[in-house]
């Protein structure tokens, strides 16, 4: 599921911008402008019964290409707020939440969460009881 989320983000960015998109860290040879998609961490909490809530925070790096990098990054923030509000995976629509950004060393870090609920089927197969005999009575002394 996580790779599908990354693919969904990449498709949305490609449709809007058409820049190079990296899903793995590149040490040298970036073709700027470009994006790098990073899943920061993943968290799962059990809710009621077989329902779980998964938090998926992403850090989308944007490497600007012009000399006025700060201005280009700030323009990109406005566009990313709109573009990444919703992504589509197969027929499911995911809503981006907790959007925020930081500019560190002339690179835009755009943070967005795609959180969702999961319903898990029982892992252990339990055989139903066949017969149960219940007796009641008084114990004689």
N, C-alpha and C. Protein backbone atom coordinates (compact mmCIF):
# COMPACT_ATOMS: atom_id res chain seq x y z
N UNK A 1 0.82 -1.19 0.00
CA UNK A 1 0.00 0.00 0.00
C UNK A 1 0.86 1.26 0.00
N UNK A 2 1.99 1.22 0.71
CA UNK A 2 2.84 2.40 0.80
C UNK A 2 3.43 2.76 -0.57
N UNK A 3 3.85 1.76 -1.32
CA UNK A 3 4.37 2.04 -2.66
C UNK A 3 3.29 2.60 -3.57
N UNK A 4 2.06 2.15 -3.37
CA UNK A 4 0.95 2.71 -4.17
C UNK A 4 0.70 4.17 -3.83
N UNK A 5 0.83 4.51 -2.55
CA UNK A 5 0.68 5.92 -2.15
C UNK A 5 1.77 6.78 -2.80
N UNK A 6 3.00 6.29 -2.78
CA UNK A 6 4.10 7.02 -3.41
C UNK A 6 3.84 7.17 -4.90
N UNK A 7 3.36 6.09 -5.54
CA UNK A 7 3.04 6.16 -6.97
C UNK A 7 1.92 7.16 -7.23
N UNK A 8 0.92 7.20 -6.36
CA UNK A 8 -0.18 8.15 -6.52
C UNK A 8 0.29 9.59 -6.42
N UNK A 9 1.19 9.85 -5.48
CA UNK A 9 1.77 11.20 -5.35
C UNK A 9 2.57 11.54 -6.59
N UNK A 10 3.38 10.58 -7.06
CA UNK A 10 4.22 10.81 -8.24
C UNK A 10 3.38 11.08 -9.48
N UNK A 11 2.30 10.35 -9.65
CA UNK A 11 1.42 10.57 -10.82
C UNK A 11 0.82 11.96 -10.78
N UNK A 12 0.36 12.36 -9.59
CA UNK A 12 -0.26 13.69 -9.45
C UNK A 12 0.76 14.80 -9.74
N UNK A 13 1.99 14.65 -9.21
CA UNK A 13 3.03 15.65 -9.46
C UNK A 13 3.42 15.68 -10.94
N UNK A 14 3.50 14.52 -11.56
CA UNK A 14 3.86 14.45 -12.98
C UNK A 14 2.80 15.10 -13.86
N UNK A 15 1.54 14.86 -13.53
CA UNK A 15 0.45 15.46 -14.30
C UNK A 15 0.48 16.98 -14.22
N UNK A 16 0.80 17.51 -13.07
CA UNK A 16 0.78 18.95 -12.87
C UNK A 16 2.05 19.64 -13.35
N UNK A 17 3.20 19.05 -13.09
CA UNK A 17 4.47 19.75 -13.34
C UNK A 17 5.31 19.15 -14.46
N UNK A 18 5.33 17.83 -14.59
CA UNK A 18 6.13 17.19 -15.62
C UNK A 18 7.63 17.17 -15.32
N UNK A 19 8.01 17.44 -14.06
CA UNK A 19 9.41 17.41 -13.66
C UNK A 19 9.83 15.96 -13.37
N UNK A 20 11.13 15.76 -13.31
CA UNK A 20 11.69 14.47 -12.90
C UNK A 20 11.26 14.19 -11.46
N UNK A 21 10.87 12.93 -11.18
CA UNK A 21 10.43 12.54 -9.84
C UNK A 21 11.26 11.35 -9.40
N UNK A 22 11.90 11.48 -8.24
CA UNK A 22 12.73 10.42 -7.70
C UNK A 22 12.03 9.79 -6.51
N UNK A 23 12.09 8.45 -6.47
CA UNK A 23 11.51 7.72 -5.34
C UNK A 23 12.60 7.11 -4.47
N UNK A 24 13.82 7.13 -4.96
CA UNK A 24 14.99 6.66 -4.21
C UNK A 24 15.98 7.81 -4.12
N UNK A 25 16.77 7.81 -3.05
CA UNK A 25 17.75 8.89 -2.84
C UNK A 25 18.82 8.86 -3.93
N UNK A 26 19.12 10.03 -4.49
CA UNK A 26 20.15 10.19 -5.50
C UNK A 26 21.25 11.07 -4.91
N UNK A 27 22.46 10.58 -4.91
CA UNK A 27 23.57 11.35 -4.33
C UNK A 27 24.06 12.44 -5.27
N UNK A 28 24.15 12.13 -6.56
CA UNK A 28 24.65 13.10 -7.54
C UNK A 28 23.83 12.97 -8.81
N UNK A 29 23.83 14.05 -9.58
CA UNK A 29 23.20 14.00 -10.90
C UNK A 29 21.71 14.28 -10.92
N UNK A 30 21.21 15.09 -10.00
CA UNK A 30 19.79 15.47 -10.03
C UNK A 30 19.55 16.41 -11.22
N UNK A 31 18.48 16.19 -11.92
CA UNK A 31 18.07 17.08 -13.00
C UNK A 31 17.05 18.06 -12.44
N UNK A 32 17.52 19.24 -12.05
CA UNK A 32 16.64 20.24 -11.45
C UNK A 32 15.87 20.99 -12.53
N UNK A 33 14.64 21.36 -12.31
CA UNK A 33 13.85 21.14 -11.10
C UNK A 33 13.37 19.70 -11.02
N UNK A 34 13.24 19.20 -9.81
CA UNK A 34 12.78 17.82 -9.63
C UNK A 34 12.18 17.65 -8.23
N UNK A 35 11.52 16.51 -8.03
CA UNK A 35 10.93 16.14 -6.76
C UNK A 35 11.55 14.85 -6.26
N UNK A 36 11.58 14.71 -4.95
CA UNK A 36 11.97 13.46 -4.30
C UNK A 36 10.91 13.17 -3.26
N UNK A 37 10.30 11.97 -3.32
CA UNK A 37 9.21 11.60 -2.42
C UNK A 37 9.76 10.67 -1.35
N UNK A 38 9.56 11.04 -0.10
CA UNK A 38 10.09 10.27 1.02
C UNK A 38 8.98 10.02 2.03
N UNK A 39 8.78 8.75 2.39
CA UNK A 39 7.87 8.41 3.48
C UNK A 39 8.67 8.58 4.76
N UNK A 40 8.27 9.52 5.60
CA UNK A 40 9.02 9.85 6.81
C UNK A 40 8.95 8.71 7.81
N UNK A 41 7.77 8.27 8.11
CA UNK A 41 7.55 7.19 9.08
C UNK A 41 6.15 6.64 8.83
N UNK A 42 5.79 5.60 9.54
CA UNK A 42 4.45 5.06 9.41
C UNK A 42 3.99 4.64 10.80
N UNK A 43 2.72 4.87 11.08
CA UNK A 43 2.20 4.59 12.41
C UNK A 43 0.84 3.93 12.27
N UNK A 44 0.60 2.90 13.08
CA UNK A 44 -0.69 2.22 13.05
C UNK A 44 -1.21 2.09 14.48
N UNK A 45 -2.48 2.48 14.68
CA UNK A 45 -3.12 2.35 15.99
C UNK A 45 -4.37 1.51 15.83
N UNK A 46 -4.56 0.58 16.78
CA UNK A 46 -5.79 -0.21 16.75
C UNK A 46 -6.91 0.63 17.32
N UNK A 47 -8.02 0.62 16.62
CA UNK A 47 -9.18 1.38 17.08
C UNK A 47 -10.14 0.40 17.77
N UNK A 48 -11.31 0.21 17.24
CA UNK A 48 -12.29 -0.70 17.83
C UNK A 48 -12.30 -2.00 17.04
N UNK A 49 -12.16 -3.11 17.73
CA UNK A 49 -12.23 -4.41 17.08
C UNK A 49 -11.12 -4.61 16.06
N UNK A 50 -11.51 -4.82 14.82
CA UNK A 50 -10.55 -5.11 13.75
C UNK A 50 -10.20 -3.87 12.93
N UNK A 51 -10.58 -2.71 13.41
CA UNK A 51 -10.29 -1.45 12.70
C UNK A 51 -8.98 -0.85 13.20
N UNK A 52 -8.19 -0.37 12.24
CA UNK A 52 -6.91 0.25 12.54
C UNK A 52 -6.83 1.59 11.83
N UNK A 53 -6.09 2.51 12.42
CA UNK A 53 -5.87 3.82 11.81
C UNK A 53 -4.39 3.94 11.47
N UNK A 54 -4.09 4.21 10.20
CA UNK A 54 -2.70 4.32 9.74
C UNK A 54 -2.39 5.76 9.38
N UNK A 55 -1.29 6.26 9.94
CA UNK A 55 -0.80 7.60 9.64
C UNK A 55 0.41 7.46 8.71
N UNK A 56 0.38 8.17 7.59
CA UNK A 56 1.44 8.09 6.59
C UNK A 56 1.94 9.50 6.27
N UNK A 57 2.92 10.03 7.02
CA UNK A 57 3.45 11.36 6.71
C UNK A 57 4.54 11.29 5.63
N UNK A 58 4.41 12.11 4.62
CA UNK A 58 5.37 12.18 3.52
C UNK A 58 6.09 13.52 3.52
N UNK A 59 7.32 13.48 3.08
CA UNK A 59 8.13 14.69 2.88
C UNK A 59 8.48 14.74 1.40
N UNK A 60 7.90 15.69 0.69
CA UNK A 60 8.18 15.85 -0.73
C UNK A 60 9.20 16.97 -0.88
N UNK A 61 10.39 16.59 -1.32
CA UNK A 61 11.46 17.56 -1.54
C UNK A 61 11.30 18.17 -2.93
N UNK A 62 11.45 19.46 -3.01
CA UNK A 62 11.47 20.14 -4.31
C UNK A 62 12.81 20.84 -4.45
N UNK A 63 13.54 20.50 -5.50
CA UNK A 63 14.83 21.10 -5.79
C UNK A 63 14.63 22.13 -6.91
N UNK A 64 14.67 23.43 -6.58
CA UNK A 64 14.42 24.47 -7.59
C UNK A 64 15.60 24.59 -8.56
N UNK A 65 15.32 25.23 -9.71
CA UNK A 65 16.35 25.31 -10.76
C UNK A 65 16.88 26.71 -10.99
N UNK A 66 16.20 27.73 -10.50
CA UNK A 66 16.62 29.10 -10.78
C UNK A 66 17.54 29.62 -9.68
N UNK A 67 18.11 30.79 -9.92
CA UNK A 67 18.97 31.41 -8.91
C UNK A 67 18.16 31.99 -7.75
N UNK A 68 16.92 32.37 -8.01
CA UNK A 68 16.06 32.89 -6.94
C UNK A 68 15.28 31.70 -6.33
N UNK A 69 16.01 30.85 -5.63
CA UNK A 69 15.47 29.60 -5.11
C UNK A 69 14.36 29.81 -4.09
N UNK A 70 14.51 30.80 -3.20
CA UNK A 70 13.50 31.04 -2.18
C UNK A 70 12.16 31.43 -2.81
N UNK A 71 12.21 32.32 -3.79
CA UNK A 71 10.98 32.75 -4.48
C UNK A 71 10.33 31.57 -5.20
N UNK A 72 11.14 30.76 -5.86
CA UNK A 72 10.61 29.60 -6.58
C UNK A 72 9.99 28.59 -5.60
N UNK A 73 10.62 28.40 -4.45
CA UNK A 73 10.08 27.47 -3.45
C UNK A 73 8.75 27.97 -2.89
N UNK A 74 8.66 29.26 -2.62
CA UNK A 74 7.40 29.82 -2.08
C UNK A 74 6.27 29.74 -3.10
N UNK A 75 6.58 29.94 -4.38
CA UNK A 75 5.56 29.76 -5.43
C UNK A 75 5.10 28.31 -5.49
N UNK A 76 6.05 27.39 -5.30
CA UNK A 76 5.72 25.97 -5.36
C UNK A 76 4.84 25.55 -4.19
N UNK A 77 5.01 26.16 -3.03
CA UNK A 77 4.18 25.83 -1.86
C UNK A 77 2.70 26.05 -2.18
N UNK A 78 2.37 27.18 -2.78
CA UNK A 78 0.98 27.46 -3.12
C UNK A 78 0.42 26.41 -4.06
N UNK A 79 1.20 26.03 -5.04
CA UNK A 79 0.73 25.03 -6.01
C UNK A 79 0.60 23.65 -5.38
N UNK A 80 1.56 23.26 -4.54
CA UNK A 80 1.50 21.94 -3.91
C UNK A 80 0.33 21.82 -2.94
N UNK A 81 -0.04 22.90 -2.26
CA UNK A 81 -1.21 22.87 -1.39
C UNK A 81 -2.46 22.46 -2.16
N UNK A 82 -2.59 22.93 -3.38
CA UNK A 82 -3.75 22.57 -4.20
C UNK A 82 -3.60 21.20 -4.84
N UNK A 83 -2.44 20.93 -5.41
CA UNK A 83 -2.22 19.69 -6.17
C UNK A 83 -2.30 18.45 -5.28
N UNK A 84 -1.75 18.52 -4.08
CA UNK A 84 -1.68 17.33 -3.22
C UNK A 84 -2.81 17.22 -2.22
N UNK A 85 -3.84 18.06 -2.38
CA UNK A 85 -4.98 17.96 -1.47
C UNK A 85 -5.67 16.61 -1.61
N UNK A 86 -5.76 16.10 -2.81
CA UNK A 86 -6.35 14.78 -3.06
C UNK A 86 -5.49 14.02 -4.05
N UNK A 87 -5.29 12.73 -3.78
CA UNK A 87 -4.67 11.84 -4.77
C UNK A 87 -5.58 10.63 -4.95
N UNK A 88 -5.48 10.00 -6.10
CA UNK A 88 -6.33 8.86 -6.42
C UNK A 88 -5.47 7.62 -6.57
N UNK A 89 -5.89 6.54 -5.90
CA UNK A 89 -5.26 5.23 -6.06
C UNK A 89 -6.35 4.27 -6.49
N UNK A 90 -6.18 3.71 -7.67
CA UNK A 90 -7.22 2.86 -8.25
C UNK A 90 -8.52 3.65 -8.26
N UNK A 91 -9.48 3.28 -7.44
CA UNK A 91 -10.74 4.04 -7.38
C UNK A 91 -10.89 4.77 -6.06
N UNK A 92 -9.89 4.69 -5.20
CA UNK A 92 -9.95 5.32 -3.88
C UNK A 92 -9.37 6.73 -3.93
N UNK A 93 -10.00 7.63 -3.20
CA UNK A 93 -9.55 9.02 -3.10
C UNK A 93 -8.97 9.24 -1.71
N UNK A 94 -7.74 9.75 -1.64
CA UNK A 94 -7.07 10.01 -0.37
C UNK A 94 -6.92 11.51 -0.19
N UNK A 95 -7.24 11.97 1.00
CA UNK A 95 -7.20 13.39 1.32
C UNK A 95 -5.88 13.72 2.03
N UNK A 96 -5.16 14.69 1.53
CA UNK A 96 -3.92 15.14 2.16
C UNK A 96 -4.22 16.07 3.32
N UNK A 97 -3.62 15.79 4.47
CA UNK A 97 -3.85 16.60 5.66
C UNK A 97 -2.51 17.02 6.27
N UNK A 98 -2.58 17.87 7.27
CA UNK A 98 -1.40 18.34 8.01
C UNK A 98 -0.32 18.88 7.08
N UNK A 99 -0.73 19.63 6.06
CA UNK A 99 0.23 20.18 5.11
C UNK A 99 1.00 21.33 5.75
N UNK A 100 2.32 21.28 5.59
CA UNK A 100 3.19 22.35 6.06
C UNK A 100 4.48 22.27 5.25
N UNK A 101 5.32 23.27 5.40
CA UNK A 101 6.56 23.27 4.63
C UNK A 101 7.70 23.89 5.40
N UNK A 102 8.91 23.58 4.97
CA UNK A 102 10.14 24.20 5.46
C UNK A 102 11.07 24.34 4.26
N UNK A 103 11.88 25.37 4.27
CA UNK A 103 12.92 25.52 3.26
C UNK A 103 14.25 25.38 3.99
N UNK A 104 14.97 24.32 3.64
CA UNK A 104 16.25 24.02 4.29
C UNK A 104 17.31 23.89 3.20
N UNK A 105 18.36 24.70 3.28
CA UNK A 105 19.47 24.67 2.31
C UNK A 105 18.96 24.79 0.88
N UNK A 106 18.06 25.73 0.63
CA UNK A 106 17.50 26.02 -0.69
C UNK A 106 16.69 24.86 -1.28
N UNK A 107 16.22 23.96 -0.42
CA UNK A 107 15.37 22.85 -0.86
C UNK A 107 14.06 22.95 -0.09
N UNK A 108 12.94 22.89 -0.82
CA UNK A 108 11.62 22.92 -0.21
C UNK A 108 11.27 21.54 0.31
N UNK A 109 10.88 21.46 1.56
CA UNK A 109 10.37 20.23 2.17
C UNK A 109 8.89 20.45 2.41
N UNK A 110 8.06 19.79 1.63
CA UNK A 110 6.61 19.92 1.74
C UNK A 110 6.08 18.67 2.42
N UNK A 111 5.50 18.82 3.60
CA UNK A 111 5.02 17.69 4.39
C UNK A 111 3.51 17.55 4.21
N UNK A 112 3.08 16.32 3.98
CA UNK A 112 1.65 16.04 3.84
C UNK A 112 1.39 14.63 4.36
N UNK A 113 0.25 14.45 5.04
CA UNK A 113 -0.16 13.14 5.53
C UNK A 113 -1.29 12.59 4.67
N UNK A 114 -1.22 11.30 4.41
CA UNK A 114 -2.34 10.57 3.80
C UNK A 114 -2.70 9.46 4.78
N UNK A 115 -3.62 9.77 5.68
CA UNK A 115 -4.03 8.85 6.73
C UNK A 115 -5.32 8.15 6.32
N UNK A 116 -5.49 6.93 6.80
CA UNK A 116 -6.70 6.18 6.44
C UNK A 116 -6.96 5.08 7.45
N UNK A 117 -8.19 4.56 7.42
CA UNK A 117 -8.60 3.45 8.28
C UNK A 117 -8.48 2.15 7.49
N UNK A 118 -8.14 1.09 8.22
CA UNK A 118 -8.00 -0.24 7.63
C UNK A 118 -8.83 -1.20 8.45
N UNK A 119 -9.49 -2.11 7.77
CA UNK A 119 -10.22 -3.18 8.44
C UNK A 119 -9.50 -4.48 8.14
N UNK A 120 -9.05 -5.17 9.18
CA UNK A 120 -8.30 -6.41 9.00
C UNK A 120 -9.19 -7.60 9.33
N UNK A 121 -9.15 -8.57 8.46
CA UNK A 121 -9.84 -9.81 8.75
C UNK A 121 -9.04 -10.56 9.80
N UNK A 122 -9.69 -11.43 10.53
CA UNK A 122 -9.01 -12.19 11.57
C UNK A 122 -7.94 -13.08 10.95
N UNK A 123 -6.76 -13.08 11.54
CA UNK A 123 -5.65 -13.87 11.03
C UNK A 123 -5.78 -15.32 11.43
N UNK A 124 -6.21 -15.56 12.65
CA UNK A 124 -6.32 -16.92 13.16
C UNK A 124 -7.68 -17.49 12.82
N UNK A 125 -7.66 -18.69 12.23
CA UNK A 125 -8.91 -19.37 11.94
C UNK A 125 -9.37 -20.08 13.22
N UNK A 126 -10.56 -19.80 13.63
CA UNK A 126 -11.10 -20.39 14.85
C UNK A 126 -12.19 -21.37 14.46
N UNK A 127 -12.03 -22.63 14.93
CA UNK A 127 -13.06 -23.63 14.65
C UNK A 127 -14.21 -23.43 15.62
N UNK A 128 -15.42 -23.41 15.11
CA UNK A 128 -16.56 -23.27 16.02
C UNK A 128 -16.73 -24.55 16.84
N UNK A 129 -17.31 -24.41 18.02
CA UNK A 129 -17.56 -25.59 18.85
C UNK A 129 -18.63 -26.43 18.19
N UNK A 130 -18.46 -27.73 18.30
CA UNK A 130 -19.44 -28.61 17.68
C UNK A 130 -20.65 -28.81 18.60
N UNK A 131 -20.42 -29.40 19.73
CA UNK A 131 -21.51 -29.64 20.67
C UNK A 131 -21.08 -29.19 22.05
N UNK A 132 -22.01 -28.73 22.78
CA UNK A 132 -21.75 -28.34 24.16
C UNK A 132 -22.91 -28.86 25.00
N UNK A 133 -22.52 -29.63 26.00
CA UNK A 133 -23.53 -30.17 26.90
C UNK A 133 -23.40 -29.44 28.22
N UNK A 134 -24.51 -28.94 28.66
CA UNK A 134 -24.53 -28.20 29.92
C UNK A 134 -25.44 -28.96 30.89
N UNK A 135 -24.91 -29.26 32.02
CA UNK A 135 -25.70 -29.96 33.01
C UNK A 135 -25.90 -29.08 34.22
N UNK A 136 -27.00 -29.23 34.83
CA UNK A 136 -27.22 -28.50 36.08
C UNK A 136 -27.88 -29.42 37.06
N UNK A 137 -27.64 -29.17 38.23
CA UNK A 137 -28.21 -30.02 39.27
C UNK A 137 -27.55 -29.74 40.59
N UNK A 138 -28.08 -30.33 41.60
CA UNK A 138 -27.53 -30.16 42.92
C UNK A 138 -26.58 -31.29 43.22
N UNK A 139 -25.55 -30.94 43.88
CA UNK A 139 -24.58 -31.93 44.28
C UNK A 139 -25.06 -32.56 45.58
N UNK A 140 -25.14 -33.87 45.61
CA UNK A 140 -25.59 -34.55 46.81
C UNK A 140 -24.40 -34.82 47.70
N UNK A 141 -24.64 -34.72 49.00
CA UNK A 141 -23.57 -34.97 49.96
C UNK A 141 -23.59 -36.37 50.44
